Protein backbone atom coordinates (compact mmCIF):
# COMPACT_ATOMS: atom_id res chain seq x y z
CA UNK A 1 105.53 64.30 14.37
CA UNK A 2 108.81 63.55 16.03
CA UNK A 3 107.93 63.35 19.76
CA UNK A 4 110.39 64.99 22.24
CA UNK A 5 111.49 62.81 24.87
CA UNK A 6 113.88 65.16 26.52
CA UNK A 7 111.42 67.22 28.42
CA UNK A 8 109.89 63.78 30.15
CA UNK A 9 111.27 61.42 31.69
CA UNK A 10 110.77 58.37 29.85
CA UNK A 11 114.45 58.74 28.54
CA UNK A 12 115.67 58.50 32.53
CA UNK A 13 115.35 54.85 32.58
CA UNK A 14 118.82 54.61 31.31
CA UNK A 15 120.60 56.73 33.60
CA UNK A 16 118.15 55.45 36.54
CA UNK A 17 120.39 54.64 39.73
CA UNK A 18 119.30 51.91 42.24
CA UNK A 19 116.81 52.72 45.29
CA UNK A 20 119.59 53.27 47.61
CA UNK A 21 121.48 55.63 45.49
CA UNK A 22 122.45 58.77 47.79
CA UNK A 23 123.45 61.52 45.56
CA UNK A 24 120.81 64.42 44.77
CA UNK A 25 119.02 64.48 41.38
CA UNK A 26 120.51 66.70 38.97
CA UNK A 27 118.22 68.60 36.81
CA UNK A 28 119.26 70.69 34.04
CA UNK A 29 116.91 72.85 32.30
CA UNK A 30 117.46 74.45 28.40
CA UNK A 31 114.97 75.65 25.74
CA UNK A 32 113.17 73.06 23.72
CA UNK A 33 113.39 72.86 20.36
CA UNK A 34 109.47 71.99 20.06
CA UNK A 35 107.81 75.86 20.16
CA UNK A 36 104.53 74.95 19.33
CA UNK A 37 102.41 76.42 22.10
CA UNK A 38 101.15 74.48 25.06
CA UNK A 39 97.49 74.54 25.08
CA UNK A 40 96.05 75.94 28.14
CA UNK A 41 91.98 74.01 26.76
CA UNK A 42 94.29 70.69 28.50
CA UNK A 43 92.80 72.06 31.47
CA UNK A 44 89.12 71.06 31.33
CA UNK A 45 86.19 69.74 33.48
CA UNK A 46 82.59 67.77 32.93
CA UNK A 47 79.86 69.90 34.00
CA UNK A 48 77.13 67.69 34.18
CA UNK A 49 73.54 68.87 33.67
CA UNK A 50 70.98 67.22 36.17
CA UNK A 51 69.51 67.70 39.38
CA UNK A 52 70.22 66.21 42.75
CA UNK A 53 71.14 68.27 46.18
CA UNK A 54 74.58 68.74 45.66
CA UNK A 55 74.27 69.60 41.68
CA UNK A 56 72.82 73.56 42.18
CA UNK A 57 76.28 73.81 43.79
CA UNK A 58 78.05 74.26 40.73
CA UNK A 59 76.28 77.50 40.37
CA UNK A 60 77.69 78.44 43.64
CA UNK A 61 80.39 81.72 43.50
CA UNK A 62 82.73 79.84 45.93
CA UNK A 63 82.64 76.43 43.13
CA UNK A 64 83.86 79.27 40.71
CA UNK A 65 86.21 80.68 42.43
CA UNK A 66 88.02 77.40 42.40
CA UNK A 67 87.33 76.73 39.08
CA UNK A 68 88.85 80.32 38.16
CA UNK A 69 91.79 79.52 40.50
CA UNK A 70 92.82 75.91 39.05
CA UNK A 71 91.70 77.40 35.87
CA UNK A 72 89.60 75.46 34.16
CA UNK A 73 90.08 76.38 30.20
CA UNK A 74 87.18 74.71 29.14
CA UNK A 75 83.42 72.83 30.32
CA UNK A 76 82.06 70.11 28.76
CA UNK A 77 77.96 69.94 28.80
CA UNK A 78 76.01 68.25 29.72
CA UNK A 79 78.23 66.17 30.38
CA UNK A 80 79.46 62.43 29.71
CA UNK A 81 76.91 59.79 29.19
CA UNK A 82 74.33 62.46 29.80
CA UNK A 83 75.07 63.68 26.09
CA UNK A 84 72.96 60.87 24.18
CA UNK A 85 70.28 60.87 26.35
CA UNK A 86 69.68 64.97 26.82
CA UNK A 87 66.93 66.56 24.91
CA UNK A 88 68.51 70.45 25.12
CA UNK A 89 65.06 71.78 23.96
CA UNK A 90 63.28 69.47 26.15
CA UNK A 91 65.04 68.33 29.60
CA UNK A 92 62.08 67.22 30.57
CA UNK A 93 61.86 64.36 27.64
CA UNK A 94 65.60 63.24 28.54
CA UNK A 95 66.53 60.16 30.06
CA UNK A 96 68.73 60.80 32.49
CA UNK A 97 66.22 63.89 34.00
CA UNK A 98 66.36 64.23 37.97
CA UNK A 99 64.31 65.47 40.34
CA UNK A 100 62.87 68.92 39.36
CA UNK A 101 63.01 69.95 36.04
CA UNK A 102 62.99 73.35 36.74
CA UNK A 103 66.39 72.93 38.82
CA UNK A 104 68.47 71.32 36.20
CA UNK A 105 71.12 73.33 35.23
CA UNK A 106 69.66 74.95 32.13
CA UNK A 107 71.99 75.76 28.44
CA UNK A 108 72.29 79.45 29.39
CA UNK A 109 72.87 78.97 33.36
CA UNK A 110 76.24 76.69 31.83
CA UNK A 111 77.05 79.49 29.49
CA UNK A 112 76.64 82.04 32.26
CA UNK A 113 79.28 80.07 34.48
CA UNK A 114 81.78 79.02 31.55
CA UNK A 115 81.92 82.81 30.66
CA UNK A 116 82.59 83.87 35.03
CA UNK A 117 85.34 80.73 34.82
CA UNK A 118 86.79 82.25 32.03
CA UNK A 119 86.46 78.38 29.97
CA UNK A 120 85.32 77.56 26.96
CA UNK A 121 81.86 75.73 26.37
CA UNK A 122 81.76 72.56 24.39
CA UNK A 123 78.37 71.35 23.67
CA UNK A 124 77.50 67.49 22.96
CA UNK A 125 75.19 66.73 20.60
CA UNK A 126 72.54 64.14 20.84
CA UNK A 127 72.87 60.89 18.70
CA UNK A 128 70.43 59.00 20.53
CA UNK A 129 67.10 60.58 20.10
CA UNK A 130 65.49 61.93 16.55
CA UNK A 131 62.75 63.99 18.69
CA UNK A 132 61.56 65.74 21.61
CA UNK A 133 62.00 62.85 24.18
CA UNK A 134 64.49 59.57 24.86
CA UNK A 135 61.32 57.09 23.65
CA UNK A 136 62.08 58.60 19.93
CA UNK A 137 65.63 57.17 19.15
CA UNK A 138 67.17 57.25 16.04
CA UNK A 139 67.63 53.62 13.97
CA UNK A 140 71.29 53.52 12.97
CA UNK A 141 70.00 51.40 9.96
CA UNK A 142 67.78 54.31 8.53
CA UNK A 143 69.70 57.56 6.67
CA UNK A 144 66.52 59.53 7.13
CA UNK A 145 66.84 59.02 10.98
CA UNK A 146 69.92 60.07 10.83
CA UNK A 147 69.20 63.23 8.76
CA UNK A 148 66.30 63.70 11.36
CA UNK A 149 68.70 64.24 14.43
CA UNK A 150 71.49 65.84 12.50
CA UNK A 151 68.75 68.88 11.78
CA UNK A 152 67.79 68.43 15.82
CA UNK A 153 71.39 69.19 16.36
CA UNK A 154 71.80 71.91 13.73
CA UNK A 155 68.68 73.79 15.35
CA UNK A 156 70.90 73.95 18.87
CA UNK A 157 73.78 75.16 17.04
CA UNK A 158 71.34 77.74 15.51
CA UNK A 159 69.72 78.53 18.79
CA UNK A 160 73.09 78.75 20.70
CA UNK A 161 75.14 80.84 18.00
CA UNK A 162 72.53 82.74 16.21
CA UNK A 163 69.75 83.40 17.79
CA UNK A 164 71.37 83.64 21.41
CA UNK A 165 75.09 85.16 20.53
CA UNK A 166 76.73 82.48 22.42
CA UNK A 167 79.41 81.76 19.68
CA UNK A 168 80.09 78.47 21.12
CA UNK A 169 82.85 76.80 19.23
CA UNK A 170 83.11 73.40 20.06
CA UNK A 171 80.62 70.74 19.32
CA UNK A 172 80.93 66.71 20.13
CA UNK A 173 78.83 64.54 18.25
CA UNK A 174 77.59 62.21 20.82
CA UNK A 175 79.49 60.17 23.43
CA UNK A 176 80.91 56.81 23.55
CA UNK A 177 78.56 55.58 21.13
CA UNK A 178 80.88 52.51 20.13
CA UNK A 179 78.35 51.42 22.68
CA UNK A 180 76.15 50.94 20.12
CA UNK A 181 77.45 51.73 16.81
CA UNK A 182 79.38 49.93 13.85
CA UNK A 183 82.39 52.10 13.03
CA UNK A 184 80.73 52.59 9.49
CA UNK A 185 77.47 53.60 10.98
CA UNK A 186 79.33 56.56 13.14
CA UNK A 187 81.39 57.66 9.79
CA UNK A 188 77.82 58.46 8.14
CA UNK A 189 76.70 60.20 11.71
CA UNK A 190 79.47 62.74 11.50
CA UNK A 191 79.40 63.55 8.08
CA UNK A 192 75.62 64.16 8.37
CA UNK A 193 75.54 66.24 11.64
CA UNK A 194 78.69 67.85 10.42
CA UNK A 195 77.25 68.89 7.37
CA UNK A 196 73.84 70.16 8.81
CA UNK A 197 75.77 71.83 11.92
CA UNK A 198 78.28 73.54 10.20
CA UNK A 199 75.64 74.59 7.25
CA UNK A 200 73.85 77.35 10.07
CA UNK A 201 77.61 78.11 11.50
CA UNK A 202 80.77 77.33 9.20
CA UNK A 203 83.22 78.59 12.02
CA UNK A 204 82.48 75.80 14.22
CA UNK A 205 84.56 73.12 15.61
CA UNK A 206 83.51 69.46 15.58
CA UNK A 207 84.86 66.73 17.82
CA UNK A 208 84.31 63.08 16.83
CA UNK A 209 83.90 60.43 19.44
CA UNK A 210 87.31 58.46 19.02
CA UNK A 211 88.19 54.85 20.67
CA UNK A 212 91.31 54.37 22.74
CA UNK A 213 91.25 50.54 22.93
CA UNK A 214 89.20 47.76 22.10
CA UNK A 215 86.10 47.40 24.18
CA UNK A 216 84.21 44.82 25.73
CA UNK A 217 80.95 43.39 24.56
CA UNK A 218 78.02 45.60 25.30
CA UNK A 219 74.25 44.66 25.26
CA UNK A 220 72.79 47.87 23.69
CA UNK A 221 68.72 46.33 24.42
CA UNK A 222 67.62 49.88 25.34
CA UNK A 223 67.43 50.19 21.22
CA UNK A 224 64.43 48.42 20.18
CA UNK A 225 62.90 48.57 16.80
CA UNK A 226 60.05 45.76 16.22
CA UNK A 227 59.46 47.29 13.16
CA UNK A 228 62.82 47.31 11.29
CA UNK A 229 63.96 43.46 10.53
CA UNK A 230 67.44 44.97 9.72
CA UNK A 231 67.76 45.65 13.41
CA UNK A 232 69.48 43.02 15.25
CA UNK A 233 72.62 43.53 17.47
CA UNK A 234 72.39 41.97 20.70
CA UNK A 235 76.05 42.40 21.27
CA UNK A 236 78.21 45.28 20.09
CA UNK A 237 82.24 44.86 20.54
CA UNK A 238 84.42 47.29 18.68
CA UNK A 239 87.97 47.80 17.74
CA UNK A 240 89.68 50.97 18.32
CA UNK A 241 91.90 50.47 14.82
CA UNK A 242 88.71 50.02 12.65
CA UNK A 243 86.91 52.20 14.59
CA UNK A 244 89.47 55.37 14.12
CA UNK A 245 90.26 53.88 10.65
CA UNK A 246 86.46 54.27 9.60
CA UNK A 247 86.54 58.07 10.68
CA UNK A 248 89.85 58.89 8.95
CA UNK A 249 88.69 56.99 5.51
CA UNK A 250 85.18 58.09 5.43
CA UNK A 251 84.66 61.24 7.13
CA UNK A 252 87.82 63.15 7.59
CA UNK A 253 87.13 66.42 6.70
CA UNK A 254 84.27 66.40 8.65
CA UNK A 255 85.44 66.60 12.04
CA UNK A 256 88.35 68.90 13.63
CA UNK A 257 89.09 66.62 16.37
CA UNK A 258 88.71 63.22 17.52
CA UNK A 259 87.95 62.12 20.94
CA UNK A 260 89.12 59.46 22.80
CA UNK A 261 87.97 58.40 26.58
CA UNK A 262 91.28 57.63 28.63
CA UNK A 263 90.67 55.47 32.35
CA UNK A 264 93.46 54.38 34.48
CA UNK A 265 91.96 51.62 36.60
CA UNK A 266 94.50 49.91 38.79
CA UNK A 267 92.57 47.48 41.18
CA UNK A 268 89.38 46.42 43.49
CA UNK A 269 88.82 47.89 47.14
CA UNK A 270 90.82 44.74 48.26
CA UNK A 271 93.79 46.52 47.50
CA UNK A 272 96.14 48.83 50.23
CA UNK A 273 96.67 52.29 49.21
CA UNK A 274 100.43 51.84 48.82
CA UNK A 275 99.29 48.70 46.16
CA UNK A 276 96.87 50.77 44.26
CA UNK A 277 99.30 53.78 44.15
CA UNK A 278 102.61 51.49 42.64
CA UNK A 279 100.11 49.57 39.97
CA UNK A 280 98.37 53.30 38.93
CA UNK A 281 102.11 54.62 38.25
CA UNK A 282 103.13 51.62 36.52
CA UNK A 283 100.06 51.92 34.29
CA UNK A 284 100.51 55.69 33.70
CA UNK A 285 104.00 55.37 32.84
CA UNK A 286 103.43 52.49 30.18
CA UNK A 287 100.12 53.16 29.13
CA UNK A 288 99.36 52.70 25.66
CA UNK A 289 96.46 53.93 24.88
CA UNK A 290 97.77 57.48 25.79
CA UNK A 291 100.89 56.48 23.57
CA UNK A 292 98.31 55.29 20.78
CA UNK A 293 96.96 58.82 20.55
CA UNK A 294 100.16 60.01 19.45
CA UNK A 295 99.93 57.39 16.62
CA UNK A 296 96.93 58.66 15.97
CA UNK A 297 97.60 62.23 16.29
CA UNK A 298 99.85 61.41 13.48
CA UNK A 299 98.41 59.55 10.80
CA UNK A 300 95.90 62.42 11.11
CA UNK A 301 98.87 64.39 9.74
CA UNK A 302 97.28 68.19 10.76
CA UNK A 303 94.06 67.12 9.36
CA UNK A 304 92.66 66.59 12.45
CA UNK A 305 93.85 66.95 16.51
CA UNK A 306 92.83 65.20 19.25
CA UNK A 307 90.55 66.16 22.21
CA UNK A 308 90.70 63.92 25.22
CA UNK A 309 87.14 64.73 26.43
CA UNK A 310 87.23 62.40 29.17
CA UNK A 311 89.93 61.16 31.41
CA UNK A 312 90.55 60.28 34.63
CA UNK A 313 92.70 57.91 37.10
CA UNK A 314 90.81 55.39 39.48
CA UNK A 315 87.46 56.75 38.26
CA UNK A 316 85.56 53.59 39.01
CA UNK A 317 86.73 53.69 43.05
CA UNK A 318 84.67 56.47 43.55
CA UNK A 319 81.23 56.40 45.11
CA UNK A 320 79.16 55.18 42.93
CA UNK A 321 80.38 51.68 43.51
CA UNK A 322 79.97 52.05 47.22
CA UNK A 323 76.81 52.07 49.52
CA UNK A 324 78.20 52.36 53.25
CA UNK A 325 79.05 56.10 53.29
CA UNK A 326 81.04 55.27 56.47
CA UNK A 327 83.73 53.68 53.79
CA UNK A 328 84.27 56.68 51.49
CA UNK A 329 86.39 58.80 53.95
CA UNK A 330 89.33 56.26 53.37
CA UNK A 331 88.58 55.10 50.18
CA UNK A 332 91.48 55.93 47.51
CA UNK A 333 89.27 57.78 45.63
CA UNK A 334 89.69 60.27 48.29
CA UNK A 335 93.13 60.05 48.93
CA UNK A 336 96.43 61.73 48.52
CA UNK A 337 97.42 58.71 46.40
CA UNK A 338 95.25 59.30 44.02
CA UNK A 339 95.98 62.84 43.63
CA UNK A 340 99.38 62.03 42.89
CA UNK A 341 98.48 59.37 40.02
CA UNK A 342 96.58 62.00 38.70
CA UNK A 343 99.06 64.71 38.72
CA UNK A 344 101.67 61.57 36.78
CA UNK A 345 98.80 61.22 34.56
CA UNK A 346 98.40 64.87 33.32
CA UNK A 347 102.12 64.99 32.91
CA UNK A 348 101.61 62.40 30.43
CA UNK A 349 98.58 63.88 28.88
CA UNK A 350 101.26 67.07 28.22
CA UNK A 351 103.82 65.09 26.45
CA UNK A 352 101.61 63.87 23.68
CA UNK A 353 101.42 67.29 21.60
CA UNK A 354 98.77 66.34 19.39
CA UNK A 355 96.61 66.24 22.02
CA UNK A 356 94.71 69.86 22.25
CA UNK A 357 92.64 69.48 24.66
CA UNK A 358 91.80 67.23 28.26
CA UNK A 359 88.86 67.59 30.13
CA UNK A 360 88.82 65.86 33.84
CA UNK A 361 85.79 63.60 34.62
CA UNK A 362 84.75 65.60 36.64
CA UNK A 363 86.26 68.31 38.76
CA UNK A 364 82.50 69.97 39.28
CA UNK A 365 82.03 66.60 41.51
CA UNK A 366 85.43 67.07 43.15
CA UNK A 367 84.39 70.24 44.44
CA UNK A 368 81.53 69.41 45.91
CA UNK A 369 81.94 65.57 47.36
CA UNK A 370 80.11 63.25 45.03
CA UNK A 371 76.45 64.34 44.60
CA UNK A 372 74.58 60.97 44.20
CA UNK A 373 72.65 60.07 47.01
CA UNK A 374 70.68 63.05 49.56
CA UNK A 375 72.60 61.74 52.77
CA UNK A 376 76.22 62.02 51.20
CA UNK A 377 75.52 65.99 51.16
CA UNK A 378 78.45 67.99 52.66
CA UNK A 379 78.07 69.55 55.85
CA UNK A 380 80.28 72.68 54.12
CA UNK A 381 81.70 73.13 50.62
CA UNK A 382 82.97 73.04 47.89
CA UNK A 383 85.77 71.10 49.83
CA UNK A 384 89.25 70.75 47.76
CA UNK A 385 89.74 67.03 46.71
CA UNK A 386 93.52 66.01 46.71
CA UNK A 387 93.12 65.58 42.85
CA UNK A 388 91.97 69.31 42.38
CA UNK A 389 94.73 70.15 44.41
CA UNK A 390 97.20 68.28 41.86
CA UNK A 391 95.56 70.35 39.37
CA UNK A 392 95.62 73.37 40.94
CA UNK A 393 99.07 73.23 40.17
CA UNK A 394 99.72 72.06 36.89
CA UNK A 395 97.47 74.81 36.36
CA UNK A 396 99.82 77.55 38.24
CA UNK A 397 102.88 76.07 36.78
CA UNK A 398 102.84 76.06 33.23
CA UNK A 399 104.15 78.02 30.85
CA UNK A 400 103.66 78.89 27.30
CA UNK A 401 106.18 76.34 25.70
CA UNK A 402 107.66 72.89 26.80
CA UNK A 403 111.43 72.73 28.12
CA UNK A 404 113.95 70.07 27.77
CA UNK A 405 114.69 68.49 31.10
CA UNK A 406 117.90 66.76 31.44
CA UNK A 407 117.63 64.59 34.91
CA UNK A 408 120.72 62.39 36.12
CA UNK A 409 121.02 60.32 39.29
CA UNK A 410 117.28 59.32 39.69
CA UNK A 411 116.89 56.45 42.05
CA UNK A 412 114.21 53.61 41.13
CA UNK A 413 111.27 52.41 42.36
CA UNK A 414 109.69 49.10 41.65
CA UNK A 415 106.38 49.04 40.48
CA UNK A 416 104.31 46.25 39.41
CA UNK A 417 107.74 43.78 39.37
CA UNK A 418 109.69 46.67 36.94
CA UNK A 419 112.20 49.15 38.23
CA UNK A 420 111.29 52.51 37.03
CA UNK A 421 112.28 56.22 37.52
CA UNK A 422 111.26 57.61 41.05
CA UNK A 423 111.14 61.35 40.14
CA UNK A 424 108.64 62.67 37.00
CA UNK A 425 109.28 66.20 36.18
CA UNK A 426 108.30 68.61 33.64
CA UNK A 427 109.33 71.89 32.32
CA UNK A 428 107.95 75.24 30.90
CA UNK A 429 108.52 78.63 29.94
CA UNK A 430 107.46 81.82 29.15
CA UNK A 431 109.27 85.11 28.74
CA UNK A 432 108.72 85.91 32.64
CA UNK A 433 109.37 82.73 33.93
CA UNK A 434 110.68 79.39 34.14
CA UNK A 435 108.07 76.61 35.29
CA UNK A 436 108.98 73.16 36.87
CA UNK A 437 106.12 70.49 38.26
CA UNK A 438 107.85 67.65 40.18
CA UNK A 439 106.17 64.41 42.00
CA UNK A 440 107.98 62.00 44.06
CA UNK A 441 107.01 58.48 43.56
CA UNK A 442 109.00 56.66 45.68
CA UNK A 443 106.84 55.95 48.86
CA UNK A 444 109.90 54.88 50.58
CA UNK A 445 112.53 57.88 50.11
CA UNK A 446 112.85 61.61 50.20
CA UNK A 447 114.72 63.32 47.14
CA UNK A 448 117.31 65.79 46.64
CA UNK A 449 117.17 67.61 43.60
CA UNK A 450 119.84 69.93 42.43
CA UNK A 451 118.63 72.35 39.65
CA UNK A 452 121.50 73.66 38.02
CA UNK A 453 121.21 77.82 37.88
CA UNK A 454 120.91 79.40 34.55
CA UNK A 455 122.90 82.89 34.42
CA UNK A 456 119.46 83.86 32.93
CA UNK A 457 117.53 83.59 35.63
CA UNK A 458 116.98 86.40 38.15
CA UNK A 459 118.48 85.93 41.73
CA UNK A 460 114.87 86.00 43.32
CA UNK A 461 114.15 83.08 45.88
CA UNK A 462 111.80 80.49 43.55
CA UNK A 463 108.61 79.78 44.86
CA UNK A 464 106.75 76.60 45.68
CA UNK A 465 103.98 75.72 46.06
CA UNK A 466 103.50 71.90 47.43
CA UNK A 467 101.00 68.85 47.84
CA UNK A 468 101.98 66.30 50.88
CA UNK A 469 100.85 64.87 53.37
CA UNK A 470 101.81 62.12 55.58
CA UNK A 471 100.39 58.90 54.37
CA UNK A 472 99.15 57.96 51.21
CA UNK A 473 95.76 57.50 52.76
CA UNK A 474 95.54 61.35 53.65
CA UNK A 475 92.46 62.94 52.73
CA UNK A 476 90.66 66.25 52.91
CA UNK A 477 87.33 65.26 54.44
CA UNK A 478 86.15 63.37 57.94
CA UNK A 479 83.06 61.85 58.45
CA UNK A 480 80.23 63.25 56.59
CA UNK A 481 78.29 65.78 57.65
CA UNK A 482 80.51 66.07 60.59
CA UNK A 483 83.88 68.17 61.05
CA UNK A 484 86.16 68.27 58.28
CA UNK A 485 89.93 69.31 59.41
CA UNK A 486 92.35 69.29 56.12
CA UNK A 487 95.16 66.81 56.18
CA UNK A 488 96.62 68.27 52.95
CA UNK A 489 96.04 71.42 51.28
CA UNK A 490 98.37 73.36 49.07
CA UNK A 491 101.43 74.97 50.74
CA UNK A 492 104.28 77.48 49.92
CA UNK A 493 107.43 77.90 50.02
CA UNK A 494 110.54 79.32 48.44
CA UNK A 495 114.25 78.34 48.18
CA UNK A 496 117.02 81.04 46.96
CA UNK A 497 118.54 81.41 43.67
CA UNK A 498 121.83 81.78 44.57
CA UNK A 499 125.46 80.19 43.59
CA UNK A 500 125.55 76.97 40.92
CA UNK A 501 122.10 75.26 41.99
CA UNK A 502 118.68 75.27 43.00
CA UNK A 503 118.22 72.75 46.07
CA UNK A 504 114.80 71.14 46.94
CA UNK A 505 114.49 68.08 49.31
CA UNK A 506 111.00 66.55 48.16
CA UNK A 507 109.47 64.60 51.11
CA UNK A 508 107.59 61.24 50.41
CA UNK A 509 103.91 61.06 48.82
CA UNK A 510 104.85 64.96 47.37
CA UNK A 511 104.32 67.17 44.16
CA UNK A 512 105.60 70.17 43.76
CA UNK A 513 105.41 73.17 41.22
CA UNK A 514 108.55 76.05 41.25
CA UNK A 515 108.58 79.39 39.34
CA UNK A 516 111.62 80.58 38.53
CA UNK A 517 112.04 84.24 38.00
CA UNK A 518 113.75 85.02 34.96
CA UNK A 519 115.57 88.57 34.53
CA UNK A 520 113.95 91.54 33.28
CA UNK A 521 115.67 93.28 30.18
CA UNK A 522 116.72 95.85 32.00
CA UNK A 523 118.84 93.42 34.31
CA UNK A 524 120.49 91.88 31.05
CA UNK A 525 121.39 95.02 30.19
CA UNK A 526 123.15 95.71 32.84
């Protein structure tokens, strides 16, 4: 599928000026030749099942309202790594079961929340456990073990869709199973699991675990089969090309989506916010992993699509790697800079038109503060995280189809020693409105935007929604369990739609969503 570059700014390197350029950025919007609809399921979130003092907040009305406001359109349960250690009909037998089993978020509670939010559910079936507890493991060298696991997965489909009537559409086979499986082994899992699950409900959509990039070496010493001389795997390392090719060669037709996981990690805690902001922008703009998904989407030639079931920007720079809670409020994971990085990342996801689903890791966590130790329980909640605010702008400023963007006079800025455009923008439309999201990536210079007016647009003022702050380090949090003055939040504004253009001044550290109304059919008739 030919990639439409006109509505992204990858083409703008040729027209970018120097960082000293004083002229406004001129933007012309036009209908795109790419008329395939944008899938709202790109706006997704993890939904982890286990119990902690904060975990029960994901069942609260306040959090549900936040999910609705984004809006979240797909949720994944039991969430990430937990998927291969979760026993759906015996949560107490799960390896990661925490605290009181009765307070774990059950599948029924998850479905109830999905319905309240208006989100499609994804269930991850276990590819690690063949019995009713985490000690009864599937031996990947034994087909009878794999088929036993497949039958357990099929029983969950039967329970959810036939007995409960939930009609869960999406079912993911495992999580990051390339940690312990070989490519041809997992392809066999997909064939056997899909066969058993579709026999129960042939309407379900199967998501297979993909691989976005070559892995490091894993040591799956938790998988031990002392009675099996064929099992000897102290080190596991997988190649993305071989992994995805095995699915293509051996399991095509047994799945509807392939699911890579893409994380941008820009450095360590010693970097300043500016250094991490710049390096993250460079990595996102050059991301070969994300571009590789376009290649695989083309290779599957309509026989399978891409479901990005995990993605995040600087996820590692979050609470689990820190033990001193006094460091958290100034940590980059909670900063405006990472919100802007994440907003840019999602725009690049939108450009890969073979990606149908994108699940952020993890909006439930972002809106309740982190949930790991009890002492980190926030006094009030949910609090808006900069990443949530960025995604809320995207959620409110996406039309049905992309538009062509011609942007000129974009000043360049240096990221990681290379000059790149300092403005990112994406436009889309529906029958009523034109939508545009713009991000000023230049931490030193304001940008003036001139958007050329289209005669078909209404003269009503264009509505603006801003996320901005005085510094990249700005957060919505102060000390834990103390007062929480909000330094950044979404603010609204408007500009007139008159004359020949729409003028918008973008401050440093800012992201804006723009809605321009079209003329009604009656107005056009006059």
